[in-house]
Amino acid sequence: MNRLREKFAELKSSGGKALVFYLMAGDPDIPTTLDIIKGLDESGVDAIELGIPFSDPMADGPSIQAAAHRALGKGMTVRKCLDLVRSVREFSSIPIVLMTYFNPILHYGIERFAKDAVDAGADATILTDLSPEEAKDWVSASKRNDLGTIFLVAPTSTNERIKRAGDISTGFVYCVSRTGVTGAQSDTPTDLPTLVNRVKSMVGAPVCVGFGISEPRHVEEITRYADGAVVGSALVNLITKHQGSEKLIGEVKKYAMAMKNATRHDETPPRT
């Protein structure tokens, strides 16, 4: 059992909910990325989504697009990202999900990437633009190397697509809270509980919600009906705001702890 599956099994056993944070590898630089991951781990974050930058990030909003371009400008590559994961494993066992697009993996080599990712210490991947219908070769390579696979479902997904994504997701199912691209939002969609409950009724893997989550109240609400929440653009914005400042890691830890505390709530019935 890999670290990500162990974490979700632990949370299920204790009645806890997962908090997952996304950040871009190499933004603003590799040493800072390592310091941020260490700070997130120390703050109780349950898993990291580590972005491998791609030149055409079509599912990402302005904040993550800008982070990707900055990282590429600093020379970040797939190989350097795997080396970064290997460096994380020198001080942390926090589950790491590599998140990118299919093109960099195809260029690197499907089988080679799956093997190298596991060897470096990664636990799963999210390939944002790889549909379940086209993922046979990738899923097979991942299974051979015990690398988890995570697929996305959205408000527009049919029941057939949700079931297919659930059948081949071995880490968690990533439930996109809204259509469009990533980006921090002020409120969660009113129909989100209905969507999550529909997805949960069709899949066996844990269901985590992402896109637009930026405040503790979002996490508190979402983790009443989902198995976890994913925070992306809001953290990237915080890193961008404080990059180069001695306050950066402290601000990241303060934000992460507030978000993690929001997963620890009573048994008040969720909004339906």
C-alpha atoms as a PDB file:
ATOM      1  CA  MET A   1       0.000   0.000   0.000  1.00  0.00           C
ATOM      2  CA  ASN A   2       1.450   3.380  -0.957  1.00  0.00           C
ATOM      3  CA  ARG A   3       1.482   6.496   1.211  1.00  0.00           C
ATOM      4  CA  LEU A   4      -1.622   8.061  -0.328  1.00  0.00           C
ATOM      5  CA  ARG A   5      -3.787   4.975   0.122  1.00  0.00           C
ATOM      6  CA  GLU A   6      -2.433   4.559   3.654  1.00  0.00           C
ATOM      7  CA  LYS A   7      -3.377   8.163   4.461  1.00  0.00           C
ATOM      8  CA  PHE A   8      -6.948   7.774   3.259  1.00  0.00           C
ATOM      9  CA  ALA A   9      -7.288   4.472   5.114  1.00  0.00           C
ATOM     10  CA  GLU A  10      -6.025   6.191   8.278  1.00  0.00           C
ATOM     11  CA  LEU A  11      -8.460   9.091   7.838  1.00  0.00           C
ATOM     12  CA  LYS A  12     -11.380   6.752   7.197  1.00  0.00           C
ATOM     13  CA  SER A  13     -10.546   4.786  10.329  1.00  0.00           C
ATOM     14  CA  SER A  14     -10.386   7.924  12.481  1.00  0.00           C
ATOM     15  CA  GLY A  15     -13.310   9.727  10.868  1.00  0.00           C
ATOM     16  CA  GLY A  16     -11.016  12.463   9.569  1.00  0.00           C
ATOM     17  CA  LYS A  17     -11.107  14.346   6.290  1.00  0.00           C
ATOM     18  CA  ALA A  18      -8.223  15.066   3.938  1.00  0.00           C
ATOM     19  CA  LEU A  19      -6.697  18.445   3.226  1.00  0.00           C
ATOM     20  CA  VAL A  20      -4.621  18.473   0.047  1.00  0.00           C
ATOM     21  CA  PHE A  21      -2.522  21.436  -1.091  1.00  0.00           C
ATOM     22  CA  TYR A  22      -1.313  22.112  -4.630  1.00  0.00           C
ATOM     23  CA  LEU A  23       1.847  24.034  -5.452  1.00  0.00           C
ATOM     24  CA  MET A  24       3.972  24.387  -8.556  1.00  0.00           C
ATOM     25  CA  ALA A  25       7.368  22.670  -8.486  1.00  0.00           C
ATOM     26  CA  GLY A  26      10.129  25.246  -8.769  1.00  0.00           C
ATOM     27  CA  ASP A  27       8.053  28.365  -8.142  1.00  0.00           C
ATOM     28  CA  PRO A  28       9.694  30.560  -7.067  1.00  0.00           C
ATOM     29  CA  ASP A  29      12.653  28.139  -6.906  1.00  0.00           C
ATOM     30  CA  ILE A  30      13.492  24.599  -5.826  1.00  0.00           C
ATOM     31  CA  PRO A  31      14.824  25.360  -2.304  1.00  0.00           C
ATOM     32  CA  THR A  32      11.725  27.418  -1.533  1.00  0.00           C
ATOM     33  CA  THR A  33       9.457  24.685  -2.860  1.00  0.00           C
ATOM     34  CA  LEU A  34      11.119  22.244  -0.478  1.00  0.00           C
ATOM     35  CA  ASP A  35      10.730  24.663   2.445  1.00  0.00           C
ATOM     36  CA  ILE A  36       7.034  25.153   1.615  1.00  0.00           C
ATOM     37  CA  ILE A  37       6.393  21.409   1.478  1.00  0.00           C
ATOM     38  CA  LYS A  38       8.130  20.981   4.823  1.00  0.00           C
ATOM     39  CA  GLY A  39       5.987  23.762   6.281  1.00  0.00           C
ATOM     40  CA  LEU A  40       2.788  22.228   4.922  1.00  0.00           C
ATOM     41  CA  ASP A  41       3.738  18.848   6.355  1.00  0.00           C
ATOM     42  CA  GLU A  42       4.437  20.380   9.757  1.00  0.00           C
ATOM     43  CA  SER A  43       1.051  22.125   9.612  1.00  0.00           C
ATOM     44  CA  GLY A  44      -0.885  18.862   9.323  1.00  0.00           C
ATOM     45  CA  VAL A  45      -1.632  18.882   5.600  1.00  0.00           C
ATOM     46  CA  ASP A  46      -2.490  15.342   4.498  1.00  0.00           C
ATOM     47  CA  ALA A  47      -1.091  15.282   0.953  1.00  0.00           C
ATOM     48  CA  ILE A  48       0.682  17.436  -1.613  1.00  0.00           C
ATOM     49  CA  GLU A  49      -0.198  17.901  -5.260  1.00  0.00           C
ATOM     50  CA  LEU A  50       3.056  18.927  -6.906  1.00  0.00           C
ATOM     51  CA  GLY A  51       2.599  20.551 -10.275  1.00  0.00           C
ATOM     52  CA  ILE A  52       4.971  19.726 -13.103  1.00  0.00           C
ATOM     53  CA  PRO A  53       4.894  22.896 -15.242  1.00  0.00           C
ATOM     54  CA  PHE A  54       3.645  22.677 -18.817  1.00  0.00           C
ATOM     55  CA  SER A  55       3.748  25.404 -21.449  1.00  0.00           C
ATOM     56  CA  ASP A  56       0.043  25.098 -22.359  1.00  0.00           C
ATOM     57  CA  PRO A  57      -1.853  24.579 -19.079  1.00  0.00           C
ATOM     58  CA  MET A  58      -5.349  24.782 -20.548  1.00  0.00           C
ATOM     59  CA  ALA A  59      -7.239  23.766 -17.376  1.00  0.00           C
ATOM     60  CA  ASP A  60      -5.478  26.278 -15.153  1.00  0.00           C
ATOM     61  CA  GLY A  61      -6.468  29.820 -14.343  1.00  0.00           C
ATOM     62  CA  PRO A  62      -4.168  32.876 -14.338  1.00  0.00           C
ATOM     63  CA  SER A  63      -2.454  32.172 -11.003  1.00  0.00           C
ATOM     64  CA  ILE A  64      -1.305  28.639 -11.798  1.00  0.00           C
ATOM     65  CA  GLN A  65      -0.532  29.523 -15.418  1.00  0.00           C
ATOM     66  CA  ALA A  66       1.771  32.280 -14.203  1.00  0.00           C
ATOM     67  CA  ALA A  67       3.417  29.921 -11.708  1.00  0.00           C
ATOM     68  CA  ALA A  68       4.016  27.371 -14.471  1.00  0.00           C
ATOM     69  CA  HIS A  69       5.630  29.956 -16.722  1.00  0.00           C
ATOM     70  CA  ARG A  70       7.836  31.195 -13.890  1.00  0.00           C
ATOM     71  CA  ALA A  71       8.944  27.651 -13.079  1.00  0.00           C
ATOM     72  CA  LEU A  72       9.691  26.885 -16.729  1.00  0.00           C
ATOM     73  CA  GLY A  73      11.625  30.131 -16.942  1.00  0.00           C
ATOM     74  CA  LYS A  74      13.746  28.955 -14.012  1.00  0.00           C
ATOM     75  CA  GLY A  75      14.523  25.723 -15.888  1.00  0.00           C
ATOM     76  CA  MET A  76      12.139  23.292 -14.181  1.00  0.00           C
ATOM     77  CA  THR A  77      11.800  19.987 -16.044  1.00  0.00           C
ATOM     78  CA  VAL A  78      10.154  16.630 -15.441  1.00  0.00           C
ATOM     79  CA  ARG A  79      13.483  15.190 -14.325  1.00  0.00           C
ATOM     80  CA  LYS A  80      14.137  18.059 -11.924  1.00  0.00           C
ATOM     81  CA  CYS A  81      10.657  17.641 -10.469  1.00  0.00           C
ATOM     82  CA  LEU A  82      11.360  13.964  -9.781  1.00  0.00           C
ATOM     83  CA  ASP A  83      14.643  14.959  -8.171  1.00  0.00           C
ATOM     84  CA  LEU A  84      12.675  17.427  -6.030  1.00  0.00           C
ATOM     85  CA  VAL A  85      10.381  14.613  -4.870  1.00  0.00           C
ATOM     86  CA  ARG A  86      13.442  12.566  -3.999  1.00  0.00           C
ATOM     87  CA  SER A  87      14.690  15.478  -1.886  1.00  0.00           C
ATOM     88  CA  VAL A  88      11.332  15.675  -0.066  1.00  0.00           C
ATOM     89  CA  ARG A  89      11.698  12.021   0.870  1.00  0.00           C
ATOM     90  CA  GLU A  90      14.840  12.908   2.812  1.00  0.00           C
ATOM     91  CA  PHE A  91      12.686  14.683   5.437  1.00  0.00           C
ATOM     92  CA  SER A  92       9.045  13.737   4.910  1.00  0.00           C
ATOM     93  CA  SER A  93       6.718  10.834   4.175  1.00  0.00           C
ATOM     94  CA  ILE A  94       3.784  13.071   3.202  1.00  0.00           C
ATOM     95  CA  PRO A  95       1.911  11.606   0.212  1.00  0.00           C
ATOM     96  CA  ILE A  96       2.843  13.301  -3.065  1.00  0.00           C
ATOM     97  CA  VAL A  97       0.635  13.429  -6.157  1.00  0.00           C
ATOM     98  CA  LEU A  98       2.284  14.667  -9.333  1.00  0.00           C
ATOM     99  CA  MET A  99      -0.129  16.840 -11.316  1.00  0.00           C
ATOM    100  CA  THR A 100       0.486  17.813 -14.925  1.00  0.00           C
ATOM    101  CA  TYR A 101      -0.686  17.193 -18.486  1.00  0.00           C
ATOM    102  CA  PHE A 102      -0.202  14.141 -20.644  1.00  0.00           C
ATOM    103  CA  ASN A 103       2.207  15.724 -23.120  1.00  0.00           C
ATOM    104  CA  PRO A 104       5.221  15.917 -20.734  1.00  0.00           C
ATOM    105  CA  ILE A 105       4.642  12.302 -19.679  1.00  0.00           C
ATOM    106  CA  LEU A 106       4.290  11.074 -23.249  1.00  0.00           C
ATOM    107  CA  HIS A 107       7.490  12.890 -24.192  1.00  0.00           C
ATOM    108  CA  TYR A 108       9.333  11.459 -21.174  1.00  0.00           C
ATOM    109  CA  GLY A 109       8.030   7.945 -21.860  1.00  0.00           C
ATOM    110  CA  ILE A 110       4.972   6.429 -20.202  1.00  0.00           C
ATOM    111  CA  GLU A 111       6.578   3.355 -18.666  1.00  0.00           C
ATOM    112  CA  ARG A 112       9.764   5.210 -17.805  1.00  0.00           C
ATOM    113  CA  PHE A 113       7.890   7.983 -16.034  1.00  0.00           C
ATOM    114  CA  ALA A 114       5.729   5.610 -13.995  1.00  0.00           C
ATOM    115  CA  LYS A 115       8.815   3.734 -12.807  1.00  0.00           C
ATOM    116  CA  ASP A 116      10.913   6.837 -12.160  1.00  0.00           C
ATOM    117  CA  ALA A 117       8.087   8.579 -10.301  1.00  0.00           C
ATOM    118  CA  VAL A 118       7.717   5.692  -7.872  1.00  0.00           C
ATOM    119  CA  ASP A 119      11.469   5.362  -7.492  1.00  0.00           C
ATOM    120  CA  ALA A 120      11.649   9.069  -6.602  1.00  0.00           C
ATOM    121  CA  GLY A 121       8.935   8.705  -3.965  1.00  0.00           C
ATOM    122  CA  ALA A 122       5.735   9.862  -5.693  1.00  0.00           C
ATOM    123  CA  ASP A 123       2.486   8.100  -4.825  1.00  0.00           C
ATOM    124  CA  ALA A 124       0.032   9.023  -7.586  1.00  0.00           C
ATOM    125  CA  THR A 125      -0.582  11.250 -10.575  1.00  0.00           C
ATOM    126  CA  ILE A 126      -3.268  13.505 -11.975  1.00  0.00           C
ATOM    127  CA  LEU A 127      -2.945  14.043 -15.724  1.00  0.00           C
ATOM    128  CA  THR A 128      -5.481  16.783 -16.186  1.00  0.00           C
ATOM    129  CA  ASP A 129      -6.181  16.397 -19.898  1.00  0.00           C
ATOM    130  CA  LEU A 130      -6.092  12.584 -20.064  1.00  0.00           C
ATOM    131  CA  SER A 131      -9.637  11.274 -20.288  1.00  0.00           C
ATOM    132  CA  PRO A 132     -10.535   7.886 -18.780  1.00  0.00           C
ATOM    133  CA  GLU A 133     -11.431   6.612 -22.250  1.00  0.00           C
ATOM    134  CA  GLU A 134      -7.893   7.288 -23.523  1.00  0.00           C
ATOM    135  CA  ALA A 135      -6.001   6.225 -20.404  1.00  0.00           C
ATOM    136  CA  LYS A 136      -5.575   2.466 -20.921  1.00  0.00           C
ATOM    137  CA  ASP A 137      -1.814   2.523 -21.547  1.00  0.00           C
ATOM    138  CA  TRP A 138      -1.186   4.977 -18.716  1.00  0.00           C
ATOM    139  CA  VAL A 139      -3.307   3.056 -16.227  1.00  0.00           C
ATOM    140  CA  SER A 140      -1.549  -0.198 -17.160  1.00  0.00           C
ATOM    141  CA  ALA A 141       1.904   1.332 -16.716  1.00  0.00           C
ATOM    142  CA  SER A 142       0.855   2.846 -13.384  1.00  0.00           C
ATOM    143  CA  LYS A 143      -0.496  -0.463 -12.114  1.00  0.00           C
ATOM    144  CA  ARG A 144       2.711  -2.252 -13.031  1.00  0.00           C
ATOM    145  CA  ASN A 145       4.662   0.232 -10.930  1.00  0.00           C
ATOM    146  CA  ASP A 146       2.159   0.685  -8.044  1.00  0.00           C
ATOM    147  CA  LEU A 147       1.646   4.341  -8.941  1.00  0.00           C
ATOM    148  CA  GLY A 148      -1.796   5.634  -8.028  1.00  0.00           C
ATOM    149  CA  THR A 149      -4.038   7.133 -10.699  1.00  0.00           C
ATOM    150  CA  ILE A 150      -6.487   9.962 -10.053  1.00  0.00           C
ATOM    151  CA  PHE A 151      -9.089  11.111 -12.575  1.00  0.00           C
ATOM    152  CA  LEU A 152     -11.319  14.145 -12.652  1.00  0.00           C
ATOM    153  CA  VAL A 153     -15.103  14.365 -12.794  1.00  0.00           C
ATOM    154  CA  ALA A 154     -17.087  17.564 -13.196  1.00  0.00           C
ATOM    155  CA  PRO A 155     -20.636  18.894 -12.921  1.00  0.00           C
ATOM    156  CA  THR A 156     -21.053  18.083 -16.619  1.00  0.00           C
ATOM    157  CA  SER A 157     -19.872  14.465 -16.296  1.00  0.00           C
ATOM    158  CA  THR A 158     -22.346  11.765 -17.250  1.00  0.00           C
ATOM    159  CA  ASN A 159     -22.997   8.838 -14.947  1.00  0.00           C
ATOM    160  CA  GLU A 160     -21.089   6.631 -17.380  1.00  0.00           C
ATOM    161  CA  ARG A 161     -18.036   8.931 -17.235  1.00  0.00           C
ATOM    162  CA  ILE A 162     -18.176   9.100 -13.428  1.00  0.00           C
ATOM    163  CA  LYS A 163     -18.274   5.315 -13.146  1.00  0.00           C
ATOM    164  CA  ARG A 164     -15.431   4.920 -15.626  1.00  0.00           C
ATOM    165  CA  ALA A 165     -13.282   7.459 -13.769  1.00  0.00           C
ATOM    166  CA  GLY A 166     -14.072   5.762 -10.459  1.00  0.00           C
ATOM    167  CA  ASP A 167     -13.126   2.337 -11.795  1.00  0.00           C
ATOM    168  CA  ILE A 168      -9.590   3.459 -12.672  1.00  0.00           C
ATOM    169  CA  SER A 169      -8.932   5.929  -9.842  1.00  0.00           C
ATOM    170  CA  THR A 170      -6.768   4.276  -7.202  1.00  0.00           C
ATOM    171  CA  GLY A 171      -5.857   7.316  -5.097  1.00  0.00           C
ATOM    172  CA  PHE A 172      -9.017   9.386  -4.979  1.00  0.00           C
ATOM    173  CA  VAL A 173     -11.530  10.781  -7.439  1.00  0.00           C
ATOM    174  CA  TYR A 174     -10.990  14.495  -8.011  1.00  0.00           C
ATOM    175  CA  CYS A 175     -14.402  16.172  -8.135  1.00  0.00           C
ATOM    176  CA  VAL A 176     -14.178  19.534  -9.895  1.00  0.00           C
ATOM    177  CA  SER A 177     -16.545  21.879  -8.086  1.00  0.00           C
ATOM    178  CA  ARG A 178     -17.387  24.020 -11.103  1.00  0.00           C
ATOM    179  CA  THR A 179     -16.847  24.196 -14.846  1.00  0.00           C
ATOM    180  CA  GLY A 180     -14.032  26.356 -16.191  1.00  0.00           C
ATOM    181  CA  VAL A 181     -10.448  26.752 -15.054  1.00  0.00           C
ATOM    182  CA  THR A 182      -8.798  26.800 -11.650  1.00  0.00           C
ATOM    183  CA  GLY A 183      -8.923  29.895  -9.479  1.00  0.00           C
ATOM    184  CA  ALA A 184      -9.805  31.031  -5.973  1.00  0.00           C
ATOM    185  CA  GLN A 185     -13.504  31.809  -5.508  1.00  0.00           C
ATOM    186  CA  SER A 186     -15.546  33.526  -2.811  1.00  0.00           C
ATOM    187  CA  ASP A 187     -18.259  30.866  -2.529  1.00  0.00           C
ATOM    188  CA  THR A 188     -18.878  27.206  -3.315  1.00  0.00           C
ATOM    189  CA  PRO A 189     -21.608  26.252  -5.819  1.00  0.00           C
ATOM    190  CA  THR A 190     -25.000  25.663  -4.221  1.00  0.00           C
ATOM    191  CA  ASP A 191     -25.429  22.343  -6.033  1.00  0.00           C
ATOM    192  CA  LEU A 192     -22.029  20.980  -4.988  1.00  0.00           C
ATOM    193  CA  PRO A 193     -23.367  18.625  -2.248  1.00  0.00           C
ATOM    194  CA  THR A 194     -25.700  17.023  -4.798  1.00  0.00           C
ATOM    195  CA  LEU A 195     -22.821  16.512  -7.237  1.00  0.00           C
ATOM    196  CA  VAL A 196     -20.535  15.012  -4.585  1.00  0.00           C
ATOM    197  CA  ASN A 197     -23.240  12.678  -3.309  1.00  0.00           C
ATOM    198  CA  ARG A 198     -23.912  11.540  -6.877  1.00  0.00           C
ATOM    199  CA  VAL A 199     -20.228  10.817  -7.436  1.00  0.00           C
ATOM    200  CA  LYS A 200     -19.874   9.024  -4.094  1.00  0.00           C
ATOM    201  CA  SER A 201     -22.812   6.774  -4.938  1.00  0.00           C
ATOM    202  CA  MET A 202     -20.992   5.538  -8.055  1.00  0.00           C
ATOM    203  CA  VAL A 203     -17.344   5.187  -7.062  1.00  0.00           C
ATOM    204  CA  GLY A 204     -15.448   3.209  -4.453  1.00  0.00           C
ATOM    205  CA  ALA A 205     -12.472   5.546  -4.074  1.00  0.00           C
ATOM    206  CA  PRO A 206     -12.478   8.590  -1.771  1.00  0.00           C
ATOM    207  CA  VAL A 207     -13.896  11.756  -3.347  1.00  0.00           C
ATOM    208  CA  CYS A 208     -12.042  15.049  -2.920  1.00  0.00           C
ATOM    209  CA  VAL A 209     -13.288  18.414  -4.148  1.00  0.00           C
ATOM    210  CA  GLY A 210     -11.127  21.062  -5.772  1.00  0.00           C
ATOM    211  CA  PHE A 211     -11.276  24.260  -7.872  1.00  0.00           C
ATOM    212  CA  GLY A 212     -12.146  27.496  -6.116  1.00  0.00           C
ATOM    213  CA  ILE A 213     -11.436  26.526  -2.510  1.00  0.00           C
ATOM    214  CA  SER A 214      -9.707  29.411  -0.772  1.00  0.00           C
ATOM    215  CA  GLU A 215     -11.094  29.912   2.748  1.00  0.00           C
ATOM    216  CA  PRO A 216     -11.507  27.803   5.894  1.00  0.00           C
ATOM    217  CA  ARG A 217     -15.290  28.079   5.591  1.00  0.00           C
ATOM    218  CA  HIS A 218     -15.091  26.394   2.177  1.00  0.00           C
ATOM    219  CA  VAL A 219     -13.101  23.509   3.655  1.00  0.00           C
ATOM    220  CA  GLU A 220     -15.427  23.257   6.649  1.00  0.00           C
ATOM    221  CA  GLU A 221     -18.456  22.999   4.382  1.00  0.00           C
ATOM    222  CA  ILE A 222     -17.004  20.669   1.759  1.00  0.00           C
ATOM    223  CA  THR A 223     -15.555  18.185   4.225  1.00  0.00           C
ATOM    224  CA  ARG A 224     -19.015  17.631   5.686  1.00  0.00           C
ATOM    225  CA  TYR A 225     -20.006  15.690   2.573  1.00  0.00           C
ATOM    226  CA  ALA A 226     -16.752  14.967   0.696  1.00  0.00           C
ATOM    227  CA  ASP A 227     -13.725  12.941   1.809  1.00  0.00           C
ATOM    228  CA  GLY A 228     -11.368  15.835   1.357  1.00  0.00           C
ATOM    229  CA  ALA A 229     -10.697  19.288  -0.072  1.00  0.00           C
ATOM    230  CA  VAL A 230      -7.986  20.405  -2.487  1.00  0.00           C
ATOM    231  CA  VAL A 231      -6.560  23.936  -2.244  1.00  0.00           C
ATOM    232  CA  GLY A 232      -4.574  25.227  -5.203  1.00  0.00           C
ATOM    233  CA  SER A 233      -4.729  28.759  -6.562  1.00  0.00           C
ATOM    234  CA  ALA A 234      -5.165  30.340  -3.127  1.00  0.00           C
ATOM    235  CA  LEU A 235      -1.862  28.860  -1.948  1.00  0.00           C
ATOM    236  CA  VAL A 236      -0.129  29.779  -5.211  1.00  0.00           C
ATOM    237  CA  ASN A 237      -1.379  33.360  -4.738  1.00  0.00           C
ATOM    238  CA  LEU A 238      -0.060  33.407  -1.170  1.00  0.00           C
ATOM    239  CA  ILE A 239       3.345  32.151  -2.320  1.00  0.00           C
ATOM    240  CA  THR A 240       3.418  34.777  -5.070  1.00  0.00           C
ATOM    241  CA  LYS A 241       2.487  37.547  -2.639  1.00  0.00           C
ATOM    242  CA  HIS A 242       5.236  36.694  -0.148  1.00  0.00           C
ATOM    243  CA  GLN A 243       7.976  35.264  -2.384  1.00  0.00           C
ATOM    244  CA  GLY A 244      11.364  36.559  -1.394  1.00  0.00           C
ATOM    245  CA  SER A 245      10.073  37.520   2.051  1.00  0.00           C
ATOM    246  CA  GLU A 246      11.204  36.026   5.341  1.00  0.00           C
ATOM    247  CA  LYS A 247       7.506  35.827   6.214  1.00  0.00           C
ATOM    248  CA  LEU A 248       6.695  33.340   3.428  1.00  0.00           C
ATOM    249  CA  ILE A 249       6.938  30.038   5.291  1.00  0.00           C
ATOM    250  CA  GLY A 250       5.261  31.451   8.374  1.00  0.00           C
ATOM    251  CA  GLU A 251       2.358  32.763   6.297  1.00  0.00           C
ATOM    252  CA  VAL A 252       2.036  29.428   4.497  1.00  0.00           C
ATOM    253  CA  LYS A 253       1.979  27.508   7.784  1.00  0.00           C
ATOM    254  CA  LYS A 254      -0.570  29.871   9.351  1.00  0.00           C
ATOM    255  CA  TYR A 255      -2.858  29.508   6.341  1.00  0.00           C
ATOM    256  CA  ALA A 256      -2.432  25.718   6.184  1.00  0.00           C
ATOM    257  CA  MET A 257      -3.191  25.259   9.881  1.00  0.00           C
ATOM    258  CA  ALA A 258      -6.348  27.369   9.602  1.00  0.00           C
ATOM    259  CA  MET A 259      -7.502  25.269   6.647  1.00  0.00           C
ATOM    260  CA  LYS A 260      -6.672  21.987   8.398  1.00  0.00           C
ATOM    261  CA  ASN A 261      -8.515  23.065  11.539  1.00  0.00           C
ATOM    262  CA  ALA A 262     -11.586  23.587   9.358  1.00  0.00           C
ATOM    263  CA  THR A 263     -11.704  19.838   8.635  1.00  0.00           C
ATOM    264  CA  ARG A 264     -12.191  19.122  12.347  1.00  0.00           C
ATOM    265  CA  HIS A 265     -15.883  19.784  12.885  1.00  0.00           C
ATOM    266  CA  ASP A 266     -18.821  18.264  14.724  1.00  0.00           C
ATOM    267  CA  GLU A 267     -21.459  16.020  13.214  1.00  0.00           C
ATOM    268  CA  THR A 268     -23.873  18.799  12.167  1.00  0.00           C
ATOM    269  CA  PRO A 269     -25.705  17.579   9.045  1.00  0.00           C
ATOM    270  CA  PRO A 270     -24.237  18.880   5.768  1.00  0.00           C
ATOM    271  CA  ARG A 271     -26.030  21.330   3.550  1.00  0.00           C
ATOM    272  CA  THR A 272     -28.212  19.517   0.954  1.00  0.00           C
END
